[in-house]
Amino acid sequence: MATISSFRKNLWPRHCLPSARELVRSIVVSSTTPLSTKDIYNLALKQKAIQLVSDASAPQHNVPKKEHPTVVRGMTRQPSTRPPHPEHPVRSLQYLKRVVLPELVNSKKVEKFCAKRTLSQAEIDHRLQTVTKAARKEQAVLLAAPRNTWLWRMATPPSPPKPLPASTLSKSELLGLPRLTAADVGVGEDWSHLNKRRQRARKEKVERDLKWMWTLQAAKREAAREALQLSAPAS
């Protein structure tokens, strides 16, 4: 067990340190323009880490001791590569890119997006240093053109839900009642095949049914409205 504990102390933490998370988040929040990963890294190295007192349960930032070459069975074993800034919460560019920023994306604090960006003259000169003199002129033209670049910014809050379109339902349907019309009781039907006595009797019957339907619908509507008022929470 002692060997395992000693071995674990020599491992760099692979989780996102609270101080690193808060430091990177504050950098993105305070920036008025989107930032590249290298921009965030350079700004993080210039700022002092923010210590989170409230997150006491998180593992501490234990910096493994510097290793030295060891000889095992006649072979020299080189120590593992140390990050450029072992004492800093954002110890390396790879740690920022693979651990800290994905953590902020998962918590919906920042978002990554692609945009057209023109390199500054300093960036162009830096990249031309690795190009042969014969190819520098052509490469300089290519580097001066806008190119797709991945940038970081604060996560966009979700847009408010769109208002629902105005309902085309009648008052009866909104209250859960069937939609009835005068045609349902026979208004507008063709009675020309009936004699005058039967036509007169049919007309009187339809008028009675229509009057009864409106009365019944009004009573049901009132009862449904009262039920909704009783079930609504008190304000």
Protein backbone atom coordinates (compact mmCIF):
# COMPACT_ATOMS: atom_id res chain seq x y z
CA MET A 1 0.00 0.00 0.00
CA ALA A 2 2.87 2.36 0.79
CA THR A 3 4.27 1.75 -2.68
CA ILE A 4 0.93 2.55 -4.31
CA SER A 5 0.49 5.73 -2.25
CA SER A 6 4.00 6.87 -3.11
CA PHE A 7 3.37 6.11 -6.78
CA ARG A 8 0.14 8.12 -6.81
CA LYS A 9 1.87 11.13 -5.30
CA ASN A 10 4.12 11.21 -8.35
CA LEU A 11 1.17 11.47 -10.74
CA TRP A 12 -0.05 14.80 -12.02
CA PRO A 13 -3.75 15.35 -11.25
CA ARG A 14 -5.84 14.62 -14.32
CA HIS A 15 -9.01 16.19 -12.98
CA CYS A 16 -9.87 19.87 -13.37
CA LEU A 17 -8.55 21.80 -10.38
CA PRO A 18 -11.11 24.23 -8.91
CA SER A 19 -8.53 27.03 -9.02
CA ALA A 20 -7.83 26.35 -12.70
CA ARG A 21 -11.52 26.22 -13.54
CA GLU A 22 -12.28 29.52 -11.81
CA LEU A 23 -9.20 31.22 -13.24
CA VAL A 24 -10.04 30.29 -16.85
CA ARG A 25 -13.71 31.15 -16.38
CA SER A 26 -12.83 34.62 -15.04
CA ILE A 27 -10.54 35.24 -18.02
CA VAL A 28 -13.27 34.39 -20.55
CA VAL A 29 -15.85 36.44 -18.64
CA SER A 30 -13.68 39.54 -18.41
CA SER A 31 -12.69 39.47 -22.09
CA THR A 32 -14.68 41.71 -24.43
CA THR A 33 -13.71 39.61 -27.46
CA PRO A 34 -13.54 35.85 -28.06
CA LEU A 35 -10.22 34.23 -27.17
CA SER A 36 -8.19 31.44 -28.66
CA THR A 37 -6.83 28.63 -26.50
CA LYS A 38 -3.33 30.15 -26.59
CA ASP A 39 -4.71 33.56 -25.61
CA ILE A 40 -6.39 32.06 -22.56
CA TYR A 41 -3.24 30.17 -21.64
CA ASN A 42 -1.00 33.24 -21.88
CA LEU A 43 -3.44 35.34 -19.83
CA ALA A 44 -3.72 32.61 -17.20
CA LEU A 45 0.06 32.56 -16.73
CA LYS A 46 0.02 36.31 -16.10
CA GLN A 47 -2.70 36.19 -13.48
CA LYS A 48 -2.54 34.92 -9.94
CA ALA A 49 -4.58 31.78 -9.32
CA ILE A 50 -7.91 32.20 -7.56
CA GLN A 51 -8.17 29.96 -4.49
CA LEU A 52 -11.61 28.50 -3.83
CA VAL A 53 -12.18 28.27 -0.09
CA SER A 54 -15.65 26.78 -0.43
CA ASP A 55 -14.46 23.72 -2.38
CA ALA A 56 -12.61 22.07 0.48
CA SER A 57 -13.52 18.53 -0.57
CA ALA A 58 -11.59 18.76 -3.86
CA PRO A 59 -8.13 17.14 -4.00
CA GLN A 60 -5.27 19.50 -3.35
CA HIS A 61 -2.83 20.53 -6.03
CA ASN A 62 0.09 18.31 -5.08
CA VAL A 63 3.11 19.00 -7.25
CA PRO A 64 5.07 15.78 -7.77
CA LYS A 65 8.71 15.95 -6.83
CA LYS A 66 11.22 16.39 -9.59
CA GLU A 67 12.48 13.04 -10.74
CA HIS A 68 16.03 12.15 -11.69
CA PRO A 69 17.33 9.53 -14.10
CA THR A 70 17.50 6.10 -12.51
CA VAL A 71 19.41 3.00 -13.50
CA VAL A 72 17.37 -0.21 -13.61
CA ARG A 73 19.13 -3.45 -14.64
CA GLY A 74 21.89 -1.54 -16.28
CA MET A 75 19.52 0.69 -18.29
CA THR A 76 19.01 4.38 -17.62
CA ARG A 77 15.38 5.36 -17.18
CA GLN A 78 14.64 8.98 -17.97
CA PRO A 79 12.16 10.82 -15.71
CA SER A 80 8.74 11.76 -16.97
CA THR A 81 8.45 15.13 -18.66
CA ARG A 82 7.37 17.89 -16.30
CA PRO A 83 4.87 20.51 -17.50
CA PRO A 84 6.19 24.00 -18.29
CA HIS A 85 4.59 25.53 -15.17
CA PRO A 86 4.22 22.82 -12.50
CA GLU A 87 3.33 25.25 -9.70
CA HIS A 88 0.58 26.98 -11.68
CA PRO A 89 -3.03 25.66 -11.68
CA VAL A 90 -2.98 25.74 -15.48
CA ARG A 91 0.28 23.83 -15.69
CA SER A 92 0.37 23.37 -19.47
CA LEU A 93 -1.40 24.19 -22.71
CA GLN A 94 -2.44 20.55 -23.11
CA TYR A 95 -3.96 20.52 -19.61
CA LEU A 96 -5.98 23.63 -20.50
CA LYS A 97 -7.10 22.21 -23.83
CA ARG A 98 -7.95 18.65 -22.74
CA VAL A 99 -9.13 19.08 -19.15
CA VAL A 100 -10.05 22.62 -18.06
CA LEU A 101 -11.91 23.89 -21.13
CA PRO A 102 -13.93 20.65 -21.64
CA GLU A 103 -14.94 20.88 -17.98
CA LEU A 104 -16.26 24.42 -18.52
CA VAL A 105 -18.09 23.32 -21.68
CA ASN A 106 -19.81 20.47 -19.82
CA SER A 107 -20.94 22.88 -17.10
CA LYS A 108 -22.23 25.28 -19.82
CA LYS A 109 -19.94 28.11 -18.70
CA VAL A 110 -18.12 28.61 -22.03
CA GLU A 111 -18.64 27.54 -25.61
CA LYS A 112 -16.38 26.89 -28.58
CA PHE A 113 -17.18 28.27 -32.02
CA CYS A 114 -15.50 28.67 -35.40
CA ALA A 115 -14.92 32.12 -36.89
CA LYS A 116 -12.89 33.81 -39.61
CA ARG A 117 -9.79 35.45 -38.16
CA THR A 118 -6.79 37.26 -39.62
CA LEU A 119 -3.43 36.59 -38.02
CA SER A 120 -1.53 39.51 -36.57
CA GLN A 121 1.81 40.51 -38.07
CA ALA A 122 3.62 39.10 -35.05
CA GLU A 123 1.90 35.72 -35.52
CA ILE A 124 2.72 35.72 -39.23
CA ASP A 125 6.38 36.52 -38.55
CA HIS A 126 6.55 33.77 -35.95
CA ARG A 127 5.19 31.18 -38.37
CA LEU A 128 7.45 32.31 -41.19
CA GLN A 129 10.50 31.50 -39.08
CA THR A 130 9.96 27.80 -39.76
CA VAL A 131 9.65 28.31 -43.53
CA THR A 132 12.52 28.35 -45.99
CA LYS A 133 13.45 31.68 -47.57
CA ALA A 134 12.33 30.48 -50.99
CA ALA A 135 8.81 29.76 -49.77
CA ARG A 136 8.37 32.71 -47.41
CA LYS A 137 6.87 35.09 -49.96
CA GLU A 138 4.16 32.66 -51.05
CA GLN A 139 3.53 31.53 -47.48
CA ALA A 140 3.20 35.13 -46.25
CA VAL A 141 0.35 35.72 -48.72
CA LEU A 142 -1.44 32.60 -47.52
CA LEU A 143 -1.02 33.51 -43.87
CA ALA A 144 -2.39 37.02 -44.43
CA ALA A 145 -5.72 35.68 -45.68
CA PRO A 146 -8.55 35.17 -43.17
CA ARG A 147 -8.75 31.60 -41.91
CA ASN A 148 -11.10 29.49 -39.83
CA THR A 149 -10.13 29.65 -36.16
CA TRP A 150 -11.64 28.03 -33.10
CA LEU A 151 -12.39 30.58 -30.38
CA TRP A 152 -13.87 30.57 -26.89
CA ARG A 153 -16.55 32.80 -25.38
CA MET A 154 -19.14 32.78 -22.63
CA ALA A 155 -21.91 30.28 -23.26
CA THR A 156 -24.97 31.85 -24.86
CA PRO A 157 -27.99 31.59 -22.54
CA PRO A 158 -30.90 29.64 -24.02
CA SER A 159 -33.39 31.81 -25.86
CA PRO A 160 -36.77 32.27 -24.17
CA PRO A 161 -39.52 30.00 -25.48
CA LYS A 162 -41.48 31.42 -28.36
CA PRO A 163 -45.06 32.44 -27.51
CA LEU A 164 -47.60 29.93 -28.66
CA PRO A 165 -49.80 31.01 -31.57
CA ALA A 166 -53.24 32.27 -30.73
CA SER A 167 -55.56 29.37 -30.23
CA THR A 168 -58.25 28.81 -32.84
CA LEU A 169 -60.36 26.78 -30.42
CA SER A 170 -63.70 28.01 -29.27
CA LYS A 171 -64.47 28.76 -25.63
CA SER A 172 -66.20 25.43 -25.29
CA GLU A 173 -63.19 23.52 -26.64
CA LEU A 174 -60.79 25.45 -24.37
CA LEU A 175 -62.89 24.29 -21.41
CA GLY A 176 -62.84 20.70 -22.63
CA LEU A 177 -66.35 20.72 -24.09
CA PRO A 178 -67.27 19.44 -27.57
CA ARG A 179 -67.80 22.09 -30.22
CA LEU A 180 -71.44 22.03 -31.31
CA THR A 181 -73.06 24.11 -34.04
CA ALA A 182 -76.64 24.75 -35.19
CA ALA A 183 -76.13 22.25 -38.00
CA ASP A 184 -75.84 19.50 -35.39
CA VAL A 185 -79.56 19.80 -34.59
CA GLY A 186 -80.71 20.08 -38.20
CA VAL A 187 -80.51 23.80 -39.04
CA GLY A 188 -80.02 24.30 -42.79
CA GLU A 189 -81.17 20.82 -43.87
CA ASP A 190 -83.29 20.37 -46.99
CA TRP A 191 -86.90 19.52 -46.14
CA SER A 192 -88.35 20.10 -49.58
CA HIS A 193 -89.32 16.44 -49.88
CA LEU A 194 -91.70 16.81 -46.90
CA ASN A 195 -95.20 18.19 -47.12
CA LYS A 196 -96.04 21.55 -45.54
CA ARG A 197 -97.33 20.06 -42.28
CA ARG A 198 -94.23 17.94 -41.77
CA GLN A 199 -91.97 20.84 -42.73
CA ARG A 200 -93.69 23.04 -40.13
CA ALA A 201 -93.36 20.32 -37.47
CA ARG A 202 -89.70 19.74 -38.31
CA LYS A 203 -88.96 23.45 -38.08
CA GLU A 204 -90.58 23.71 -34.64
CA LYS A 205 -88.64 20.67 -33.42
CA VAL A 206 -85.32 22.09 -34.66
CA GLU A 207 -86.01 25.42 -32.94
CA ARG A 208 -86.70 23.61 -29.64
CA ASP A 209 -83.57 21.47 -30.01
CA LEU A 210 -81.45 24.48 -30.87
CA LYS A 211 -82.69 26.42 -27.84
CA TRP A 212 -82.09 23.43 -25.58
CA MET A 213 -78.57 22.93 -27.01
CA TRP A 214 -77.57 26.54 -26.27
CA THR A 215 -78.96 26.31 -22.75
CA LEU A 216 -77.16 23.04 -22.10
CA GLN A 217 -73.88 24.33 -23.52
CA ALA A 218 -74.06 27.48 -21.36
CA ALA A 219 -74.65 25.37 -18.24
CA LYS A 220 -71.73 23.03 -19.04
CA ARG A 221 -69.48 25.98 -19.82
CA GLU A 222 -70.27 27.64 -16.50
CA ALA A 223 -69.70 24.39 -14.58
CA ALA A 224 -66.33 23.84 -16.31
CA ARG A 225 -65.24 27.42 -15.59
CA GLU A 226 -66.05 27.02 -11.89
CA ALA A 227 -64.14 23.74 -11.76
CA LEU A 228 -61.06 25.42 -13.27
CA GLN A 229 -61.23 28.25 -10.74
CA LEU A 230 -61.43 25.80 -7.84
CA SER A 231 -58.46 23.77 -9.11
CA ALA A 232 -56.26 26.84 -9.78
CA PRO A 233 -53.68 27.57 -7.01
CA ALA A 234 -54.42 30.57 -4.83
CA SER A 235 -52.24 33.58 -5.65
